[in-house]
Amino acid sequence: MYRLFLFLLLFPLLVQAQDDDLLGELENDVTVDNTVIAAFKGLKIVNFETTKLANKNDFYLIVSHRFGTVKNGIDDLFGLDQSVTQIKFIYGINEWLNLGFARSSNLKKYGLHAKYRLVPQTDTFPVTIVGYNLVTANTSLKDDQYPNIDFGDKLTYTTQVIFSRKFDKNFSMILSPTYLHENLATRSIEILDNGTTVNYDEDNDQFAVGIGGRYKISKRVSINADYGIHLNRNSNSNFKDPLSIGVDIETGGHVFQVHFTNAQGMFEEGFIVNGNGDWGDGDFFFGFNLSRVF
């Protein structure tokens, strides 16, 4: 009887000890994922790329639209008559690499891009780092209009390194050092008082920095803004640095972005180099990006 009483007293302690050993072995086999997620819900803030990538095997269809300038008012229905459209397809090759193809009605441009995650933000690393490479072809430059033009002259190359940080559940920012090479440099034109035309060409190699952020104001809505600083723009340029502000609305399978921007072009050289509006003159454009994932 004494032995039975002793066994019943010690049995819970023996079971607890075995459970602790088993849990310890299981915990040793567990890898804790401390990667910071959902810094951005959209692949773009407004114009500039975010560090978000399509997941493996996800296929994105993105329709981007920019109306004409609102400056002309009702005459062209606040830009409705002068709109441009870009259609883009993006595929997630794996969890860290996306490939994309796009076509814009602005200058009939085609673009191919690769976007790839280099380092994620974690509890021990403060930022996410993503690389982005784009090549575009301006097919509006016709051989019959420019007899000496080669196909290579129509190409522009963009390279970005995108740094993002999610500061808390509501606020994230990006910093995007950018290099562009235009084989056919952007030209600005000045007409002097005597009617003489003077041309000012940009350097073929151009440098910029993009800055942007996102702030959530509800579970499915955020305020977004981005700005590009063109570091070696020609002092006589006709173009302006791009400033954009908008709203992201998440609706199930897609993100709907509406915004105002002073750049109508949607490829990187289109808004960084060729920003054609001036906020100070009321010369800006209304637009939207609609993303659908399959």
Foldseek 3Di string as FASTA:
>chain_A
DVVVVVCVVCVVVVVVVVVVVVVVVVVVVDDDDQFDDCQDPDQALQQHGALDDDAAFKKKKKKKKWFFWQLVPPVCPRRNNPMKIKIKIWHHNHGFKIWMWMFIPVLRKIKIKMKGWDDTDGPVRFKTKMKMKMKMFRPNPDCVVVVPDDRLQRIKIKIWIKIKGRPDPFKMKIKIKMKMAHSNFDWAWDQDPVRDIDIDTFHRIWIKMKIKMWGDPDPFKIKIKMWMGTDRADPRHQADTKIKIWMWGDDPQKIKIKIKMQFNDRPPCRRGVVSNGDVVSSTIIIMMMIMGMD
